[in-house]
Amino acid sequence: MDIIQKPEKEKKDNAKKMMLWFGIISLVMAFAGWTSAYIVSSSREDWLKDFDLPSAFFWSTFIIIISSLTYILAVKSAKKDKASQATVFLWITLGLGIVFIALQFKGFSQLIGEGYYFTGPTSNITMSYIFLIAIVHIVHVVAGIISLLVVLVNQIRGKYSSTEVVGMEIGATFWHFLDLLWVYLILFFYLYR
């Protein structure tokens, strides 16, 4: 029986994709755990039910969705050998990622302005969960920005083309996951009170 050997590069690319998916599955499990704990804790007597999420969180949701679209356009441009266009879209994605983080911190400021704190004598369990989950997501967005910077540097160096976009696609997949994760979280916080 003949065994078809895959080229070495294809094996490496598949291994990278598999590692990414293992990481994504781990993150899904972690955030599922935190949101499950949020649901279980909502039966507590001191659970805060009447609160408004900060407007900055909704604006950040819009920004991260747009950033996913610009990343898609970057990948499409690279696949069409439009290197300068791909580079521009990657820069825009990076800028939007930074704006997302800034808006998240503005949202934290809005929560604090309403008298809600992460810890301390004036904190409550509801807001502690919201702060914790949002902060952990921000940490992962920072990881996504680092990944995006690597992709951007590789793009500027001419690494990507119509025949080689695996690295950019892997970065984009992680970025889209972070986008979908935040959309899930904001809907979860909005609908489950």
N, C-alpha and C. Protein backbone atom coordinates (compact mmCIF):
# COMPACT_ATOMS: atom_id res chain seq x y z
N MET A 1 0.84 -1.18 0.00
CA MET A 1 0.00 0.00 0.00
C MET A 1 0.89 1.25 0.00
N ASP A 2 0.62 2.15 -0.94
CA ASP A 2 1.40 3.38 -1.02
C ASP A 2 0.92 4.39 0.01
N ILE A 3 1.87 4.96 0.68
CA ILE A 3 1.55 6.06 1.60
C ILE A 3 2.02 7.34 0.93
N ILE A 4 1.07 8.25 0.76
CA ILE A 4 1.41 9.52 0.12
C ILE A 4 2.05 10.42 1.16
N GLN A 5 3.25 10.86 0.87
CA GLN A 5 3.97 11.74 1.78
C GLN A 5 3.59 13.19 1.50
N LYS A 6 3.23 13.90 2.53
CA LYS A 6 2.94 15.32 2.38
C LYS A 6 4.26 16.08 2.39
N PRO A 7 4.34 17.12 1.61
CA PRO A 7 5.56 17.94 1.67
C PRO A 7 5.79 18.47 3.08
N GLU A 8 7.05 18.67 3.41
CA GLU A 8 7.43 19.12 4.75
C GLU A 8 6.74 20.42 5.14
N LYS A 9 6.65 21.39 4.23
CA LYS A 9 6.02 22.67 4.54
C LYS A 9 4.54 22.48 4.88
N GLU A 10 3.86 21.64 4.15
CA GLU A 10 2.44 21.39 4.41
C GLU A 10 2.25 20.76 5.80
N LYS A 11 3.15 19.88 6.18
CA LYS A 11 3.09 19.27 7.51
C LYS A 11 3.25 20.34 8.59
N LYS A 12 4.23 21.22 8.40
CA LYS A 12 4.47 22.29 9.38
C LYS A 12 3.26 23.23 9.47
N ASP A 13 2.71 23.59 8.31
CA ASP A 13 1.53 24.48 8.29
C ASP A 13 0.36 23.83 9.01
N ASN A 14 0.14 22.54 8.76
CA ASN A 14 -0.96 21.83 9.44
C ASN A 14 -0.73 21.75 10.93
N ALA A 15 0.52 21.56 11.35
CA ALA A 15 0.84 21.51 12.78
C ALA A 15 0.55 22.86 13.44
N LYS A 16 0.90 23.95 12.75
CA LYS A 16 0.63 25.29 13.29
C LYS A 16 -0.87 25.52 13.44
N LYS A 17 -1.62 25.12 12.43
CA LYS A 17 -3.08 25.29 12.49
C LYS A 17 -3.67 24.46 13.63
N MET A 18 -3.18 23.24 13.80
CA MET A 18 -3.67 22.37 14.87
C MET A 18 -3.37 22.98 16.24
N MET A 19 -2.18 23.54 16.42
CA MET A 19 -1.83 24.18 17.70
C MET A 19 -2.76 25.35 17.98
N LEU A 20 -3.05 26.13 16.94
CA LEU A 20 -3.98 27.25 17.11
C LEU A 20 -5.33 26.75 17.59
N TRP A 21 -5.85 25.70 16.97
CA TRP A 21 -7.16 25.19 17.34
C TRP A 21 -7.16 24.60 18.75
N PHE A 22 -6.06 23.97 19.16
CA PHE A 22 -5.97 23.51 20.55
C PHE A 22 -6.05 24.69 21.51
N GLY A 23 -5.34 25.78 21.17
CA GLY A 23 -5.40 26.98 22.00
C GLY A 23 -6.79 27.58 22.05
N ILE A 24 -7.45 27.65 20.90
CA ILE A 24 -8.81 28.21 20.85
C ILE A 24 -9.76 27.36 21.68
N ILE A 25 -9.66 26.04 21.56
CA ILE A 25 -10.54 25.16 22.34
C ILE A 25 -10.29 25.35 23.84
N SER A 26 -9.04 25.52 24.23
CA SER A 26 -8.72 25.78 25.64
C SER A 26 -9.35 27.08 26.12
N LEU A 27 -9.28 28.11 25.28
CA LEU A 27 -9.87 29.40 25.65
C LEU A 27 -11.39 29.30 25.73
N VAL A 28 -12.00 28.58 24.81
CA VAL A 28 -13.45 28.39 24.86
C VAL A 28 -13.83 27.73 26.18
N MET A 29 -13.08 26.73 26.57
CA MET A 29 -13.38 26.04 27.84
C MET A 29 -13.21 26.96 29.03
N ALA A 30 -12.16 27.78 29.02
CA ALA A 30 -11.93 28.71 30.14
C ALA A 30 -13.06 29.73 30.24
N PHE A 31 -13.42 30.34 29.13
CA PHE A 31 -14.48 31.35 29.16
C PHE A 31 -15.85 30.71 29.44
N ALA A 32 -16.05 29.48 28.99
CA ALA A 32 -17.29 28.76 29.33
C ALA A 32 -17.36 28.55 30.84
N GLY A 33 -16.21 28.24 31.44
CA GLY A 33 -16.16 28.08 32.89
C GLY A 33 -16.50 29.36 33.62
N TRP A 34 -15.92 30.46 33.16
CA TRP A 34 -16.19 31.75 33.84
C TRP A 34 -17.64 32.19 33.65
N THR A 35 -18.18 32.02 32.47
CA THR A 35 -19.57 32.42 32.28
C THR A 35 -20.52 31.47 33.01
N SER A 36 -20.14 30.21 33.14
CA SER A 36 -20.95 29.27 33.93
C SER A 36 -20.93 29.68 35.41
N ALA A 37 -19.76 30.06 35.89
CA ALA A 37 -19.66 30.52 37.29
C ALA A 37 -20.51 31.77 37.49
N TYR A 38 -20.53 32.64 36.50
CA TYR A 38 -21.36 33.85 36.54
C TYR A 38 -22.83 33.46 36.70
N ILE A 39 -23.28 32.48 35.91
CA ILE A 39 -24.67 32.02 35.98
C ILE A 39 -24.98 31.41 37.34
N VAL A 40 -24.10 30.55 37.82
CA VAL A 40 -24.31 29.91 39.13
C VAL A 40 -24.35 30.96 40.23
N SER A 41 -23.45 31.94 40.15
CA SER A 41 -23.39 32.97 41.20
C SER A 41 -24.59 33.90 41.16
N SER A 42 -25.29 33.96 40.05
CA SER A 42 -26.42 34.89 39.93
C SER A 42 -27.57 34.55 40.87
N SER A 43 -27.53 33.38 41.51
CA SER A 43 -28.58 33.03 42.47
C SER A 43 -28.29 33.59 43.87
N ARG A 44 -27.14 34.22 44.02
CA ARG A 44 -26.79 34.79 45.32
C ARG A 44 -27.71 35.97 45.63
N GLU A 45 -27.93 36.19 46.93
CA GLU A 45 -28.79 37.30 47.36
C GLU A 45 -28.18 38.65 47.02
N ASP A 46 -26.86 38.74 47.03
CA ASP A 46 -26.20 40.03 46.77
C ASP A 46 -25.91 40.25 45.28
N TRP A 47 -26.50 39.43 44.42
CA TRP A 47 -26.27 39.56 42.98
C TRP A 47 -26.93 40.83 42.47
N LEU A 48 -26.21 41.61 41.70
CA LEU A 48 -26.71 42.86 41.14
C LEU A 48 -27.45 42.57 39.85
N LYS A 49 -28.73 42.88 39.80
CA LYS A 49 -29.53 42.58 38.62
C LYS A 49 -29.85 43.83 37.79
N ASP A 50 -29.87 44.96 38.43
CA ASP A 50 -30.27 46.18 37.73
C ASP A 50 -29.05 47.08 37.52
N PHE A 51 -28.39 46.90 36.38
CA PHE A 51 -27.24 47.74 36.05
C PHE A 51 -27.17 47.85 34.54
N ASP A 52 -26.51 48.91 34.09
CA ASP A 52 -26.30 49.11 32.66
C ASP A 52 -24.84 48.88 32.35
N LEU A 53 -24.60 48.15 31.26
CA LEU A 53 -23.23 47.99 30.80
C LEU A 53 -22.73 49.32 30.27
N PRO A 54 -21.45 49.59 30.39
CA PRO A 54 -20.92 50.86 29.89
C PRO A 54 -21.08 50.98 28.37
N SER A 55 -21.39 52.18 27.92
CA SER A 55 -21.55 52.42 26.48
C SER A 55 -20.26 52.13 25.73
N ALA A 56 -19.12 52.33 26.39
CA ALA A 56 -17.83 52.07 25.74
C ALA A 56 -17.69 50.59 25.36
N PHE A 57 -18.31 49.69 26.12
CA PHE A 57 -18.26 48.27 25.77
C PHE A 57 -18.98 48.02 24.44
N PHE A 58 -20.07 48.71 24.21
CA PHE A 58 -20.81 48.53 22.95
C PHE A 58 -20.03 49.14 21.78
N TRP A 59 -19.41 50.30 22.02
CA TRP A 59 -18.58 50.89 20.97
C TRP A 59 -17.38 50.00 20.64
N SER A 60 -16.81 49.39 21.68
CA SER A 60 -15.67 48.50 21.44
C SER A 60 -16.10 47.27 20.65
N THR A 61 -17.34 46.83 20.85
CA THR A 61 -17.86 45.70 20.08
C THR A 61 -17.91 46.06 18.60
N PHE A 62 -18.42 47.23 18.30
CA PHE A 62 -18.47 47.70 16.91
C PHE A 62 -17.06 47.76 16.32
N ILE A 63 -16.12 48.28 17.08
CA ILE A 63 -14.73 48.42 16.60
C ILE A 63 -14.10 47.06 16.32
N ILE A 64 -14.29 46.10 17.20
CA ILE A 64 -13.64 44.80 16.98
C ILE A 64 -14.26 44.05 15.81
N ILE A 65 -15.55 44.26 15.57
CA ILE A 65 -16.18 43.66 14.39
C ILE A 65 -15.59 44.26 13.11
N ILE A 66 -15.42 45.57 13.10
CA ILE A 66 -14.82 46.23 11.93
C ILE A 66 -13.39 45.74 11.74
N SER A 67 -12.66 45.53 12.85
CA SER A 67 -11.27 45.07 12.73
C SER A 67 -11.20 43.67 12.12
N SER A 68 -12.18 42.83 12.38
CA SER A 68 -12.21 41.52 11.74
C SER A 68 -12.42 41.67 10.23
N LEU A 69 -13.27 42.61 9.86
CA LEU A 69 -13.50 42.85 8.42
C LEU A 69 -12.22 43.34 7.74
N THR A 70 -11.48 44.22 8.39
CA THR A 70 -10.24 44.71 7.77
C THR A 70 -9.19 43.61 7.69
N TYR A 71 -9.19 42.70 8.66
CA TYR A 71 -8.26 41.56 8.59
C TYR A 71 -8.63 40.65 7.42
N ILE A 72 -9.92 40.43 7.22
CA ILE A 72 -10.39 39.64 6.07
C ILE A 72 -9.92 40.29 4.77
N LEU A 73 -10.06 41.61 4.68
CA LEU A 73 -9.64 42.32 3.48
C LEU A 73 -8.12 42.23 3.28
N ALA A 74 -7.37 42.21 4.37
CA ALA A 74 -5.91 42.06 4.27
C ALA A 74 -5.56 40.70 3.68
N VAL A 75 -6.20 39.64 4.17
CA VAL A 75 -5.92 38.29 3.66
C VAL A 75 -6.31 38.20 2.19
N LYS A 76 -7.49 38.74 1.84
CA LYS A 76 -7.92 38.71 0.44
C LYS A 76 -6.95 39.47 -0.46
N SER A 77 -6.46 40.60 0.02
CA SER A 77 -5.50 41.39 -0.75
C SER A 77 -4.20 40.62 -0.95
N ALA A 78 -3.72 39.95 0.10
CA ALA A 78 -2.49 39.16 -0.01
C ALA A 78 -2.67 38.02 -1.01
N LYS A 79 -3.84 37.41 -1.00
CA LYS A 79 -4.11 36.31 -1.93
C LYS A 79 -4.17 36.78 -3.39
N LYS A 80 -4.41 38.08 -3.57
CA LYS A 80 -4.43 38.65 -4.92
C LYS A 80 -3.12 39.35 -5.27
N ASP A 81 -2.10 39.13 -4.43
CA ASP A 81 -0.78 39.75 -4.61
C ASP A 81 -0.84 41.27 -4.60
N LYS A 82 -1.74 41.82 -3.83
CA LYS A 82 -1.84 43.27 -3.65
C LYS A 82 -1.20 43.60 -2.30
N ALA A 83 0.12 43.55 -2.28
CA ALA A 83 0.88 43.66 -1.03
C ALA A 83 0.65 44.97 -0.31
N SER A 84 0.69 46.09 -1.02
CA SER A 84 0.54 47.38 -0.33
C SER A 84 -0.86 47.51 0.26
N GLN A 85 -1.85 47.00 -0.45
CA GLN A 85 -3.22 47.05 0.06
C GLN A 85 -3.36 46.17 1.30
N ALA A 86 -2.75 44.99 1.27
CA ALA A 86 -2.78 44.10 2.44
C ALA A 86 -2.12 44.77 3.64
N THR A 87 -1.01 45.45 3.40
CA THR A 87 -0.30 46.14 4.48
C THR A 87 -1.18 47.23 5.09
N VAL A 88 -1.85 48.00 4.26
CA VAL A 88 -2.73 49.06 4.76
C VAL A 88 -3.83 48.46 5.63
N PHE A 89 -4.45 47.39 5.16
CA PHE A 89 -5.52 46.76 5.95
C PHE A 89 -5.00 46.20 7.27
N LEU A 90 -3.79 45.68 7.28
CA LEU A 90 -3.21 45.20 8.53
C LEU A 90 -2.95 46.35 9.51
N TRP A 91 -2.45 47.49 8.99
CA TRP A 91 -2.25 48.66 9.85
C TRP A 91 -3.59 49.14 10.43
N ILE A 92 -4.62 49.14 9.61
CA ILE A 92 -5.95 49.57 10.08
C ILE A 92 -6.44 48.61 11.17
N THR A 93 -6.24 47.31 10.94
CA THR A 93 -6.64 46.31 11.94
C THR A 93 -5.91 46.54 13.26
N LEU A 94 -4.62 46.81 13.17
CA LEU A 94 -3.83 47.09 14.37
C LEU A 94 -4.37 48.32 15.10
N GLY A 95 -4.63 49.38 14.37
CA GLY A 95 -5.18 50.59 14.98
C GLY A 95 -6.52 50.33 15.66
N LEU A 96 -7.38 49.56 15.00
CA LEU A 96 -8.68 49.25 15.58
C LEU A 96 -8.53 48.37 16.82
N GLY A 97 -7.56 47.46 16.81
CA GLY A 97 -7.31 46.64 18.00
C GLY A 97 -6.90 47.49 19.20
N ILE A 98 -6.08 48.49 18.94
CA ILE A 98 -5.65 49.40 20.02
C ILE A 98 -6.83 50.23 20.51
N VAL A 99 -7.67 50.69 19.58
CA VAL A 99 -8.87 51.45 19.96
C VAL A 99 -9.80 50.57 20.80
N PHE A 100 -9.93 49.29 20.41
CA PHE A 100 -10.76 48.36 21.19
C PHE A 100 -10.30 48.33 22.65
N ILE A 101 -8.99 48.16 22.86
CA ILE A 101 -8.47 48.10 24.23
C ILE A 101 -8.71 49.41 24.96
N ALA A 102 -8.49 50.53 24.29
CA ALA A 102 -8.72 51.84 24.92
C ALA A 102 -10.19 51.97 25.34
N LEU A 103 -11.10 51.53 24.49
CA LEU A 103 -12.53 51.61 24.82
C LEU A 103 -12.89 50.68 25.98
N GLN A 104 -12.22 49.53 26.06
CA GLN A 104 -12.46 48.64 27.19
C GLN A 104 -12.09 49.34 28.51
N PHE A 105 -10.94 50.02 28.51
CA PHE A 105 -10.53 50.74 29.72
C PHE A 105 -11.46 51.91 30.01
N LYS A 106 -11.97 52.54 28.96
CA LYS A 106 -12.98 53.59 29.16
C LYS A 106 -14.23 52.98 29.80
N GLY A 107 -14.58 51.77 29.36
CA GLY A 107 -15.72 51.08 29.97
C GLY A 107 -15.48 50.79 31.45
N PHE A 108 -14.27 50.40 31.79
CA PHE A 108 -13.95 50.19 33.20
C PHE A 108 -14.09 51.50 33.98
N SER A 109 -13.62 52.59 33.37
CA SER A 109 -13.76 53.90 34.02
C SER A 109 -15.22 54.25 34.22
N GLN A 110 -16.05 53.93 33.23
CA GLN A 110 -17.49 54.20 33.37
C GLN A 110 -18.10 53.37 34.50
N LEU A 111 -17.67 52.11 34.62
CA LEU A 111 -18.17 51.28 35.73
C LEU A 111 -17.75 51.87 37.08
N ILE A 112 -16.49 52.28 37.17
CA ILE A 112 -16.00 52.87 38.41
C ILE A 112 -16.74 54.17 38.70
N GLY A 113 -17.01 54.95 37.65
CA GLY A 113 -17.77 56.18 37.81
C GLY A 113 -19.18 55.95 38.35
N GLU A 114 -19.71 54.77 38.08
CA GLU A 114 -21.03 54.39 38.61
C GLU A 114 -20.94 53.81 40.02
N GLY A 115 -19.70 53.70 40.53
CA GLY A 115 -19.51 53.17 41.87
C GLY A 115 -19.26 51.68 41.93
N TYR A 116 -19.00 51.05 40.80
CA TYR A 116 -18.73 49.61 40.75
C TYR A 116 -17.23 49.38 40.66
N TYR A 117 -16.71 48.55 41.55
CA TYR A 117 -15.28 48.27 41.59
C TYR A 117 -15.03 46.78 41.46
N PHE A 118 -13.81 46.44 41.04
CA PHE A 118 -13.43 45.04 40.87
C PHE A 118 -13.32 44.35 42.23
N THR A 119 -12.65 45.00 43.16
CA THR A 119 -12.49 44.45 44.50
C THR A 119 -12.66 45.56 45.52
N GLY A 120 -12.65 45.17 46.76
CA GLY A 120 -12.74 46.16 47.84
C GLY A 120 -14.09 46.16 48.50
N PRO A 121 -14.23 47.03 49.52
CA PRO A 121 -15.47 47.03 50.30
C PRO A 121 -16.71 47.46 49.51
N THR A 122 -16.53 48.23 48.45
CA THR A 122 -17.69 48.68 47.67
C THR A 122 -17.91 47.84 46.42
N SER A 123 -17.16 46.76 46.27
CA SER A 123 -17.35 45.91 45.09
C SER A 123 -18.50 44.93 45.33
N ASN A 124 -18.95 44.30 44.26
CA ASN A 124 -19.93 43.23 44.39
C ASN A 124 -19.54 42.12 43.42
N ILE A 125 -20.08 40.94 43.65
CA ILE A 125 -19.68 39.76 42.89
C ILE A 125 -20.01 39.91 41.40
N THR A 126 -21.10 40.54 41.09
CA THR A 126 -21.50 40.70 39.68
C THR A 126 -20.45 41.48 38.91
N MET A 127 -20.08 42.63 39.42
CA MET A 127 -19.11 43.46 38.73
C MET A 127 -17.71 42.85 38.77
N SER A 128 -17.40 42.11 39.82
CA SER A 128 -16.10 41.44 39.86
C SER A 128 -15.98 40.46 38.71
N TYR A 129 -17.06 39.72 38.43
CA TYR A 129 -17.06 38.81 37.29
C TYR A 129 -16.89 39.56 35.97
N ILE A 130 -17.61 40.64 35.82
CA ILE A 130 -17.54 41.41 34.57
C ILE A 130 -16.13 41.96 34.37
N PHE A 131 -15.57 42.55 35.41
CA PHE A 131 -14.19 43.05 35.32
C PHE A 131 -13.23 41.91 34.96
N LEU A 132 -13.32 40.80 35.70
CA LEU A 132 -12.41 39.67 35.49
C LEU A 132 -12.48 39.14 34.06
N ILE A 133 -13.68 38.85 33.59
CA ILE A 133 -13.84 38.27 32.26
C ILE A 133 -13.38 39.24 31.18
N ALA A 134 -13.72 40.52 31.32
CA ALA A 134 -13.30 41.52 30.33
C ALA A 134 -11.78 41.70 30.35
N ILE A 135 -11.18 41.70 31.53
CA ILE A 135 -9.72 41.87 31.62
C ILE A 135 -9.00 40.67 31.00
N VAL A 136 -9.48 39.47 31.26
CA VAL A 136 -8.86 38.28 30.67
C VAL A 136 -8.98 38.33 29.15
N HIS A 137 -10.13 38.81 28.66
CA HIS A 137 -10.28 38.95 27.21
C HIS A 137 -9.29 39.98 26.66
N ILE A 138 -9.10 41.09 27.37
CA ILE A 138 -8.14 42.11 26.93
C ILE A 138 -6.73 41.51 26.84
N VAL A 139 -6.37 40.70 27.82
CA VAL A 139 -5.05 40.06 27.80
C VAL A 139 -4.89 39.24 26.51
N HIS A 140 -5.94 38.56 26.12
CA HIS A 140 -5.87 37.77 24.89
C HIS A 140 -5.87 38.66 23.65
N VAL A 141 -6.53 39.80 23.71
CA VAL A 141 -6.46 40.74 22.59
C VAL A 141 -5.04 41.28 22.46
N VAL A 142 -4.37 41.51 23.58
CA VAL A 142 -2.96 41.93 23.53
C VAL A 142 -2.14 40.84 22.83
N ALA A 143 -2.41 39.58 23.15
CA ALA A 143 -1.73 38.47 22.45
C ALA A 143 -2.06 38.51 20.96
N GLY A 144 -3.31 38.83 20.63
CA GLY A 144 -3.71 38.96 19.24
C GLY A 144 -2.99 40.10 18.54
N ILE A 145 -2.76 41.20 19.27
CA ILE A 145 -2.04 42.34 18.70
C ILE A 145 -0.58 41.96 18.46
N ILE A 146 0.01 41.22 19.39
CA ILE A 146 1.39 40.75 19.18
C ILE A 146 1.45 39.86 17.93
N SER A 147 0.50 38.96 17.81
CA SER A 147 0.41 38.10 16.62
C SER A 147 0.24 38.95 15.36
N LEU A 148 -0.61 39.96 15.44
CA LEU A 148 -0.84 40.85 14.30
C LEU A 148 0.43 41.62 13.94
N LEU A 149 1.20 42.03 14.94
CA LEU A 149 2.47 42.71 14.66
C LEU A 149 3.44 41.80 13.93
N VAL A 150 3.48 40.53 14.32
CA VAL A 150 4.34 39.55 13.63
C VAL A 150 3.88 39.43 12.17
N VAL A 151 2.58 39.31 11.97
CA VAL A 151 2.04 39.21 10.60
C VAL A 151 2.38 40.47 9.82
N LEU A 152 2.23 41.63 10.44
CA LEU A 152 2.51 42.90 9.77
C LEU A 152 3.98 43.00 9.36
N VAL A 153 4.87 42.64 10.26
CA VAL A 153 6.31 42.65 9.94
C VAL A 153 6.60 41.70 8.78
N ASN A 154 6.03 40.49 8.85
CA ASN A 154 6.23 39.53 7.75
C ASN A 154 5.65 40.05 6.44
N GLN A 155 4.54 40.74 6.52
CA GLN A 155 3.93 41.32 5.31
C GLN A 155 4.85 42.40 4.72
N ILE A 156 5.37 43.26 5.57
CA ILE A 156 6.27 44.32 5.11
C ILE A 156 7.53 43.72 4.49
N ARG A 157 7.98 42.60 5.04
CA ARG A 157 9.17 41.93 4.49
C ARG A 157 8.87 41.12 3.23
N GLY A 158 7.61 41.10 2.81
CA GLY A 158 7.25 40.41 1.57
C GLY A 158 7.08 38.91 1.70
N LYS A 159 6.79 38.44 2.90
CA LYS A 159 6.66 36.99 3.11
C LYS A 159 5.38 36.43 2.51
N TYR A 160 4.32 37.22 2.46
CA TYR A 160 3.02 36.71 2.02
C TYR A 160 2.76 37.04 0.56
N SER A 161 2.09 36.12 -0.09
CA SER A 161 1.71 36.31 -1.50
C SER A 161 0.54 35.38 -1.79
N SER A 162 0.13 35.34 -3.06
CA SER A 162 -0.99 34.49 -3.43
C SER A 162 -0.68 33.01 -3.18
N THR A 163 0.59 32.66 -3.13
CA THR A 163 0.96 31.26 -2.90
C THR A 163 1.37 30.97 -1.46
N GLU A 164 1.46 32.00 -0.62
CA GLU A 164 1.90 31.81 0.77
C GLU A 164 1.19 32.80 1.69
N VAL A 165 0.09 32.36 2.29
CA VAL A 165 -0.64 33.22 3.23
C VAL A 165 -0.97 32.50 4.54
N VAL A 166 -0.37 31.34 4.77
CA VAL A 166 -0.74 30.54 5.94
C VAL A 166 -0.55 31.32 7.25
N GLY A 167 0.58 31.99 7.41
CA GLY A 167 0.82 32.74 8.64
C GLY A 167 -0.21 33.83 8.86
N MET A 168 -0.57 34.52 7.78
CA MET A 168 -1.59 35.57 7.88
C MET A 168 -2.95 34.96 8.20
N GLU A 169 -3.26 33.83 7.60
CA GLU A 169 -4.54 33.17 7.87
C GLU A 169 -4.63 32.69 9.32
N ILE A 170 -3.53 32.19 9.85
CA ILE A 170 -3.52 31.74 11.24
C ILE A 170 -3.74 32.93 12.17
N GLY A 171 -3.04 34.03 11.91
CA GLY A 171 -3.25 35.25 12.71
C GLY A 171 -4.67 35.74 12.61
N ALA A 172 -5.23 35.70 11.40
CA ALA A 172 -6.61 36.17 11.19
C ALA A 172 -7.60 35.27 11.92
N THR A 173 -7.36 33.97 11.91
CA THR A 173 -8.27 33.04 12.61
C THR A 173 -8.30 33.35 14.10
N PHE A 174 -7.13 33.59 14.69
CA PHE A 174 -7.09 33.93 16.12
C PHE A 174 -7.82 35.25 16.38
N TRP A 175 -7.59 36.23 15.50
CA TRP A 175 -8.24 37.54 15.66
C TRP A 175 -9.76 37.40 15.56
N HIS A 176 -10.24 36.64 14.58
CA HIS A 176 -11.69 36.44 14.42
C HIS A 176 -12.28 35.72 15.63
N PHE A 177 -11.51 34.78 16.18
CA PHE A 177 -11.97 34.10 17.39
C PHE A 177 -12.15 35.10 18.52
N LEU A 178 -11.16 35.99 18.72
CA LEU A 178 -11.26 36.99 19.78
C LEU A 178 -12.46 37.91 19.56
N ASP A 179 -12.73 38.23 18.30
CA ASP A 179 -13.89 39.04 17.93
C ASP A 179 -15.17 38.32 18.34
N LEU A 180 -15.33 37.08 17.90
CA LEU A 180 -16.54 36.32 18.22
C LEU A 180 -16.68 36.11 19.72
N LEU A 181 -15.57 35.90 20.39
CA LEU A 181 -15.60 35.72 21.84
C LEU A 181 -16.14 36.98 22.52
N TRP A 182 -15.67 38.16 22.11
CA TRP A 182 -16.17 39.38 22.73
C TRP A 182 -17.66 39.59 22.42
N VAL A 183 -18.08 39.32 21.18
CA VAL A 183 -19.50 39.46 20.83
C VAL A 183 -20.33 38.54 21.73
N TYR A 184 -19.85 37.31 21.91
CA TYR A 184 -20.55 36.39 22.83
C TYR A 184 -20.61 36.98 24.24
N LEU A 185 -19.48 37.49 24.74
CA LEU A 185 -19.43 37.99 26.11
C LEU A 185 -20.34 39.19 26.29
N ILE A 186 -20.34 40.13 25.35
CA ILE A 186 -21.18 41.32 25.52
C ILE A 186 -22.66 40.94 25.47
N LEU A 187 -23.01 40.01 24.58
CA LEU A 187 -24.40 39.54 24.53
C LEU A 187 -24.76 38.79 25.81
N PHE A 188 -23.84 38.00 26.30
CA PHE A 188 -24.06 37.26 27.54
C PHE A 188 -24.32 38.23 28.70
N PHE A 189 -23.45 39.23 28.85
CA PHE A 189 -23.62 40.19 29.95
C PHE A 189 -24.89 41.00 29.78
N TYR A 190 -25.24 41.32 28.56
CA TYR A 190 -26.43 42.14 28.30
C TYR A 190 -27.71 41.35 28.55
N LEU A 191 -27.73 40.10 28.10
CA LEU A 191 -28.97 39.32 28.17
C LEU A 191 -29.13 38.56 29.48
N TYR A 192 -28.02 38.20 30.12
CA TYR A 192 -28.12 37.41 31.34
C TYR A 192 -27.83 38.29 32.55
N ARG A 193 -28.88 38.87 33.09
CA ARG A 193 -28.75 39.69 34.30
C ARG A 193 -29.72 39.23 35.34
